Amino acid sequence: MSRACGSPGNCRDHPGGYRIYGSFVSPTFCTGVALTGIGMLTLTGNNVAMDSFGPISDNANGIGEMAALEPKARQIMADLDAVGNTTKAITKGIAIGSASLPRFRSLAPL
């Protein structure tokens, strides 16, 4: 009969490891996940700057539309608006990833 896993060295099959939701996870892996999350959080300033491009280009496109600018200028603004929407989606994914990675590390007991 094996003992319950959940603290370091408490697993008969994997000494020094953790069991999280029934799967074996090594302490080195957990530390790597935590450091990856911290590394992603160091880019927060860059993500905030990139995140502001989407609404700015969207507002510029709306102003150009209301001002009835020539079609070539409106096409350029529409293209920039599409790039802004893509940038917004990418930075949102990075923000979610950088916030969730340290949380995964906290699931493992210390």
N, C-alpha and C. Protein backbone atom coordinates (compact mmCIF):
# COMPACT_ATOMS: atom_id res chain seq x y z
N MET A 1 0.85 -1.19 0.00
CA MET A 1 0.00 0.00 0.00
C MET A 1 0.89 1.24 0.00
N SER A 2 0.70 2.11 -0.98
CA SER A 2 1.55 3.29 -1.08
C SER A 2 0.95 4.44 -0.27
N ARG A 3 1.83 5.28 0.19
CA ARG A 3 1.39 6.44 0.95
C ARG A 3 0.85 7.51 0.00
N ALA A 4 0.10 8.43 0.54
CA ALA A 4 -0.45 9.51 -0.29
C ALA A 4 0.66 10.44 -0.73
N CYS A 5 0.60 10.86 -1.95
CA CYS A 5 1.59 11.79 -2.47
C CYS A 5 1.08 13.21 -2.31
N GLY A 6 1.99 14.14 -2.23
CA GLY A 6 1.60 15.53 -2.11
C GLY A 6 2.67 16.37 -1.46
N SER A 7 3.67 15.75 -0.91
CA SER A 7 4.79 16.50 -0.36
C SER A 7 6.08 15.87 -0.86
N PRO A 8 7.17 16.63 -0.85
CA PRO A 8 8.41 16.09 -1.40
C PRO A 8 8.84 14.81 -0.70
N GLY A 9 9.28 13.86 -1.49
CA GLY A 9 9.79 12.61 -0.92
C GLY A 9 8.73 11.68 -0.39
N ASN A 10 7.48 11.99 -0.61
CA ASN A 10 6.40 11.19 -0.05
C ASN A 10 5.87 10.17 -1.05
N CYS A 11 6.39 10.15 -2.26
CA CYS A 11 5.94 9.21 -3.27
C CYS A 11 6.90 8.03 -3.33
N ARG A 12 6.37 6.86 -3.20
CA ARG A 12 7.21 5.67 -3.22
C ARG A 12 7.82 5.45 -4.60
N ASP A 13 7.06 5.73 -5.65
CA ASP A 13 7.56 5.51 -7.00
C ASP A 13 8.51 6.60 -7.47
N HIS A 14 8.31 7.81 -6.99
CA HIS A 14 9.10 8.96 -7.44
C HIS A 14 9.58 9.74 -6.22
N PRO A 15 10.65 9.35 -5.59
CA PRO A 15 11.11 10.09 -4.41
C PRO A 15 11.53 11.50 -4.80
N GLY A 16 11.13 12.45 -4.00
CA GLY A 16 11.48 13.85 -4.25
C GLY A 16 10.55 14.54 -5.21
N GLY A 17 9.51 13.89 -5.66
CA GLY A 17 8.60 14.51 -6.63
C GLY A 17 7.25 14.82 -6.02
N TYR A 18 6.38 15.36 -6.82
CA TYR A 18 5.03 15.72 -6.41
C TYR A 18 4.03 14.97 -7.27
N ARG A 19 2.85 14.77 -6.73
CA ARG A 19 1.73 14.30 -7.53
C ARG A 19 0.69 15.41 -7.54
N ILE A 20 0.41 15.89 -8.74
CA ILE A 20 -0.61 16.92 -8.91
C ILE A 20 -1.67 16.33 -9.82
N TYR A 21 -2.87 16.21 -9.31
CA TYR A 21 -3.99 15.61 -10.05
C TYR A 21 -3.60 14.25 -10.62
N GLY A 22 -2.86 13.47 -9.85
CA GLY A 22 -2.53 12.12 -10.24
C GLY A 22 -1.33 11.97 -11.13
N SER A 23 -0.70 13.06 -11.54
CA SER A 23 0.47 12.98 -12.41
C SER A 23 1.71 13.37 -11.63
N PHE A 24 2.82 12.70 -11.96
CA PHE A 24 4.08 13.01 -11.30
C PHE A 24 4.69 14.27 -11.89
N VAL A 25 5.12 15.18 -11.04
CA VAL A 25 5.77 16.41 -11.46
C VAL A 25 7.02 16.58 -10.62
N SER A 26 8.16 16.77 -11.26
CA SER A 26 9.40 16.94 -10.52
C SER A 26 9.52 18.37 -10.00
N PRO A 27 10.23 18.56 -8.90
CA PRO A 27 10.42 19.92 -8.37
C PRO A 27 11.15 20.83 -9.36
N THR A 28 12.04 20.27 -10.16
CA THR A 28 12.76 21.06 -11.16
C THR A 28 11.79 21.61 -12.20
N PHE A 29 10.83 20.80 -12.60
CA PHE A 29 9.83 21.25 -13.56
C PHE A 29 9.01 22.39 -12.98
N CYS A 30 8.61 22.25 -11.72
CA CYS A 30 7.81 23.30 -11.07
C CYS A 30 8.59 24.60 -10.99
N THR A 31 9.87 24.52 -10.68
CA THR A 31 10.70 25.71 -10.62
C THR A 31 10.85 26.34 -12.00
N GLY A 32 11.00 25.51 -13.02
CA GLY A 32 11.09 26.03 -14.38
C GLY A 32 9.82 26.75 -14.81
N VAL A 33 8.68 26.21 -14.42
CA VAL A 33 7.40 26.86 -14.74
C VAL A 33 7.31 28.21 -14.04
N ALA A 34 7.73 28.25 -12.77
CA ALA A 34 7.68 29.52 -12.03
C ALA A 34 8.61 30.55 -12.65
N LEU A 35 9.81 30.14 -13.03
CA LEU A 35 10.75 31.08 -13.63
C LEU A 35 10.28 31.55 -15.00
N THR A 36 9.61 30.69 -15.74
CA THR A 36 9.06 31.10 -17.03
C THR A 36 7.99 32.16 -16.83
N GLY A 37 7.14 31.96 -15.82
CA GLY A 37 6.11 32.97 -15.52
C GLY A 37 6.72 34.29 -15.11
N ILE A 38 7.77 34.26 -14.31
CA ILE A 38 8.43 35.49 -13.90
C ILE A 38 9.07 36.17 -15.11
N GLY A 39 9.66 35.37 -15.99
CA GLY A 39 10.24 35.93 -17.21
C GLY A 39 9.20 36.61 -18.08
N MET A 40 8.02 36.02 -18.15
CA MET A 40 6.95 36.65 -18.94
C MET A 40 6.47 37.93 -18.27
N LEU A 41 6.45 37.95 -16.94
CA LEU A 41 5.99 39.14 -16.24
C LEU A 41 6.96 40.30 -16.38
N THR A 42 8.23 40.02 -16.68
CA THR A 42 9.18 41.11 -16.88
C THR A 42 8.88 41.90 -18.14
N LEU A 43 8.11 41.34 -19.04
CA LEU A 43 7.76 42.02 -20.29
C LEU A 43 6.45 42.79 -20.19
N THR A 44 5.97 43.02 -18.97
CA THR A 44 4.67 43.67 -18.80
C THR A 44 4.63 45.07 -19.41
N GLY A 45 5.69 45.85 -19.23
CA GLY A 45 5.72 47.20 -19.80
C GLY A 45 5.62 47.17 -21.32
N ASN A 46 6.31 46.25 -21.93
CA ASN A 46 6.25 46.10 -23.38
C ASN A 46 4.85 45.70 -23.82
N ASN A 47 4.22 44.79 -23.08
CA ASN A 47 2.87 44.35 -23.43
C ASN A 47 1.86 45.48 -23.30
N VAL A 48 2.01 46.31 -22.28
CA VAL A 48 1.08 47.43 -22.10
C VAL A 48 1.24 48.41 -23.26
N ALA A 49 2.50 48.66 -23.66
CA ALA A 49 2.72 49.58 -24.78
C ALA A 49 2.14 49.02 -26.07
N MET A 50 2.32 47.71 -26.31
CA MET A 50 1.77 47.10 -27.51
C MET A 50 0.25 47.04 -27.46
N ASP A 51 -0.29 46.87 -26.26
CA ASP A 51 -1.73 46.75 -26.09
C ASP A 51 -2.45 48.05 -26.41
N SER A 52 -1.75 49.17 -26.26
CA SER A 52 -2.40 50.46 -26.51
C SER A 52 -2.52 50.76 -28.01
N PHE A 53 -1.82 50.02 -28.86
CA PHE A 53 -1.87 50.29 -30.30
C PHE A 53 -3.25 50.00 -30.88
N GLY A 54 -3.92 48.94 -30.40
CA GLY A 54 -5.22 48.57 -30.94
C GLY A 54 -6.28 49.64 -30.80
N PRO A 55 -6.54 50.13 -29.58
CA PRO A 55 -7.57 51.18 -29.43
C PRO A 55 -7.21 52.49 -30.13
N ILE A 56 -5.91 52.82 -30.18
CA ILE A 56 -5.51 54.07 -30.84
C ILE A 56 -5.79 53.98 -32.34
N SER A 57 -5.42 52.87 -32.96
CA SER A 57 -5.68 52.73 -34.39
C SER A 57 -7.17 52.61 -34.69
N ASP A 58 -7.92 52.02 -33.77
CA ASP A 58 -9.36 51.92 -33.96
C ASP A 58 -10.00 53.31 -33.90
N ASN A 59 -9.56 54.13 -32.94
CA ASN A 59 -10.09 55.50 -32.85
C ASN A 59 -9.71 56.32 -34.07
N ALA A 60 -8.48 56.15 -34.56
CA ALA A 60 -8.06 56.89 -35.75
C ALA A 60 -8.90 56.48 -36.96
N ASN A 61 -9.22 55.21 -37.07
CA ASN A 61 -10.07 54.75 -38.17
C ASN A 61 -11.46 55.35 -38.06
N GLY A 62 -11.99 55.41 -36.85
CA GLY A 62 -13.32 56.01 -36.66
C GLY A 62 -13.34 57.49 -36.98
N ILE A 63 -12.28 58.20 -36.60
CA ILE A 63 -12.21 59.63 -36.90
C ILE A 63 -12.10 59.85 -38.41
N GLY A 64 -11.28 59.01 -39.07
CA GLY A 64 -11.16 59.13 -40.52
C GLY A 64 -12.47 58.83 -41.23
N GLU A 65 -13.23 57.90 -40.67
CA GLU A 65 -14.53 57.56 -41.26
C GLU A 65 -15.51 58.71 -41.11
N MET A 66 -15.53 59.34 -39.92
CA MET A 66 -16.46 60.46 -39.69
C MET A 66 -16.05 61.69 -40.48
N ALA A 67 -14.74 61.85 -40.73
CA ALA A 67 -14.27 63.01 -41.48
C ALA A 67 -14.41 62.83 -42.98
N ALA A 68 -14.85 61.66 -43.41
CA ALA A 68 -15.05 61.36 -44.83
C ALA A 68 -13.77 61.60 -45.62
N LEU A 69 -12.69 60.99 -45.16
CA LEU A 69 -11.41 61.11 -45.86
C LEU A 69 -11.46 60.33 -47.17
N GLU A 70 -10.45 60.57 -48.00
CA GLU A 70 -10.41 59.88 -49.29
C GLU A 70 -10.24 58.37 -49.08
N PRO A 71 -10.65 57.56 -50.05
CA PRO A 71 -10.63 56.10 -49.87
C PRO A 71 -9.25 55.50 -49.59
N LYS A 72 -8.20 56.08 -50.20
CA LYS A 72 -6.86 55.53 -49.97
C LYS A 72 -6.44 55.69 -48.50
N ALA A 73 -6.73 56.87 -47.93
CA ALA A 73 -6.40 57.11 -46.52
C ALA A 73 -7.23 56.20 -45.61
N ARG A 74 -8.49 56.01 -45.95
CA ARG A 74 -9.34 55.14 -45.13
C ARG A 74 -8.89 53.69 -45.22
N GLN A 75 -8.40 53.26 -46.38
CA GLN A 75 -7.90 51.89 -46.53
C GLN A 75 -6.66 51.68 -45.66
N ILE A 76 -5.77 52.67 -45.65
CA ILE A 76 -4.57 52.58 -44.82
C ILE A 76 -4.97 52.46 -43.35
N MET A 77 -5.93 53.29 -42.92
CA MET A 77 -6.36 53.24 -41.52
C MET A 77 -7.07 51.93 -41.21
N ALA A 78 -7.80 51.39 -42.16
CA ALA A 78 -8.46 50.11 -41.94
C ALA A 78 -7.43 48.99 -41.79
N ASP A 79 -6.36 49.05 -42.59
CA ASP A 79 -5.29 48.06 -42.46
C ASP A 79 -4.59 48.18 -41.10
N LEU A 80 -4.33 49.41 -40.68
CA LEU A 80 -3.72 49.61 -39.36
C LEU A 80 -4.64 49.14 -38.25
N ASP A 81 -5.95 49.33 -38.44
CA ASP A 81 -6.92 48.85 -37.45
C ASP A 81 -6.89 47.33 -37.35
N ALA A 82 -6.74 46.65 -38.48
CA ALA A 82 -6.66 45.18 -38.46
C ALA A 82 -5.40 44.72 -37.74
N VAL A 83 -4.30 45.42 -37.97
CA VAL A 83 -3.06 45.09 -37.25
C VAL A 83 -3.24 45.34 -35.76
N GLY A 84 -3.93 46.42 -35.41
CA GLY A 84 -4.19 46.72 -34.00
C GLY A 84 -5.02 45.66 -33.32
N ASN A 85 -6.01 45.12 -34.02
CA ASN A 85 -6.83 44.04 -33.45
C ASN A 85 -6.00 42.78 -33.23
N THR A 86 -5.11 42.48 -34.17
CA THR A 86 -4.24 41.31 -34.02
C THR A 86 -3.28 41.51 -32.85
N THR A 87 -2.71 42.70 -32.75
CA THR A 87 -1.80 43.00 -31.65
C THR A 87 -2.52 42.88 -30.31
N LYS A 88 -3.74 43.36 -30.25
CA LYS A 88 -4.52 43.27 -29.01
C LYS A 88 -4.74 41.81 -28.62
N ALA A 89 -5.04 40.96 -29.58
CA ALA A 89 -5.26 39.54 -29.27
C ALA A 89 -3.98 38.87 -28.80
N ILE A 90 -2.87 39.20 -29.44
CA ILE A 90 -1.59 38.59 -29.05
C ILE A 90 -1.20 39.01 -27.64
N THR A 91 -1.31 40.30 -27.34
CA THR A 91 -0.92 40.77 -26.00
C THR A 91 -1.88 40.24 -24.94
N LYS A 92 -3.13 40.02 -25.28
CA LYS A 92 -4.06 39.43 -24.31
C LYS A 92 -3.66 38.00 -24.00
N GLY A 93 -3.24 37.25 -25.01
CA GLY A 93 -2.77 35.88 -24.78
C GLY A 93 -1.52 35.84 -23.93
N ILE A 94 -0.60 36.77 -24.18
CA ILE A 94 0.62 36.83 -23.36
C ILE A 94 0.28 37.19 -21.93
N ALA A 95 -0.65 38.11 -21.73
CA ALA A 95 -1.03 38.51 -20.37
C ALA A 95 -1.67 37.34 -19.63
N ILE A 96 -2.52 36.59 -20.29
CA ILE A 96 -3.16 35.44 -19.64
C ILE A 96 -2.12 34.38 -19.32
N GLY A 97 -1.20 34.13 -20.24
CA GLY A 97 -0.15 33.15 -19.99
C GLY A 97 0.77 33.54 -18.86
N SER A 98 1.17 34.81 -18.81
CA SER A 98 2.08 35.24 -17.76
C SER A 98 1.40 35.28 -16.40
N ALA A 99 0.10 35.43 -16.38
CA ALA A 99 -0.60 35.41 -15.09
C ALA A 99 -0.89 33.98 -14.62
N SER A 100 -1.07 33.06 -15.56
CA SER A 100 -1.45 31.70 -15.16
C SER A 100 -0.26 30.80 -14.85
N LEU A 101 0.90 31.04 -15.46
CA LEU A 101 2.05 30.17 -15.21
C LEU A 101 2.49 30.15 -13.74
N PRO A 102 2.63 31.31 -13.07
CA PRO A 102 2.98 31.22 -11.64
C PRO A 102 1.91 30.53 -10.80
N ARG A 103 0.68 30.62 -11.24
CA ARG A 103 -0.41 29.94 -10.51
C ARG A 103 -0.26 28.43 -10.60
N PHE A 104 0.18 27.92 -11.73
CA PHE A 104 0.40 26.48 -11.85
C PHE A 104 1.46 26.01 -10.88
N ARG A 105 2.48 26.82 -10.67
CA ARG A 105 3.53 26.46 -9.73
C ARG A 105 2.97 26.41 -8.31
N SER A 106 2.04 27.28 -7.99
CA SER A 106 1.52 27.30 -6.63
C SER A 106 0.63 26.10 -6.33
N LEU A 107 0.25 25.33 -7.34
CA LEU A 107 -0.53 24.11 -7.08
C LEU A 107 0.30 23.04 -6.41
N ALA A 108 1.60 23.05 -6.65
CA ALA A 108 2.49 22.04 -6.04
C ALA A 108 2.83 22.46 -4.62
N PRO A 109 2.80 21.53 -3.70
CA PRO A 109 3.18 21.88 -2.34
C PRO A 109 4.65 22.24 -2.26
N LEU A 110 4.96 23.10 -1.32
CA LEU A 110 6.36 23.52 -1.17
C LEU A 110 7.20 22.52 -0.43
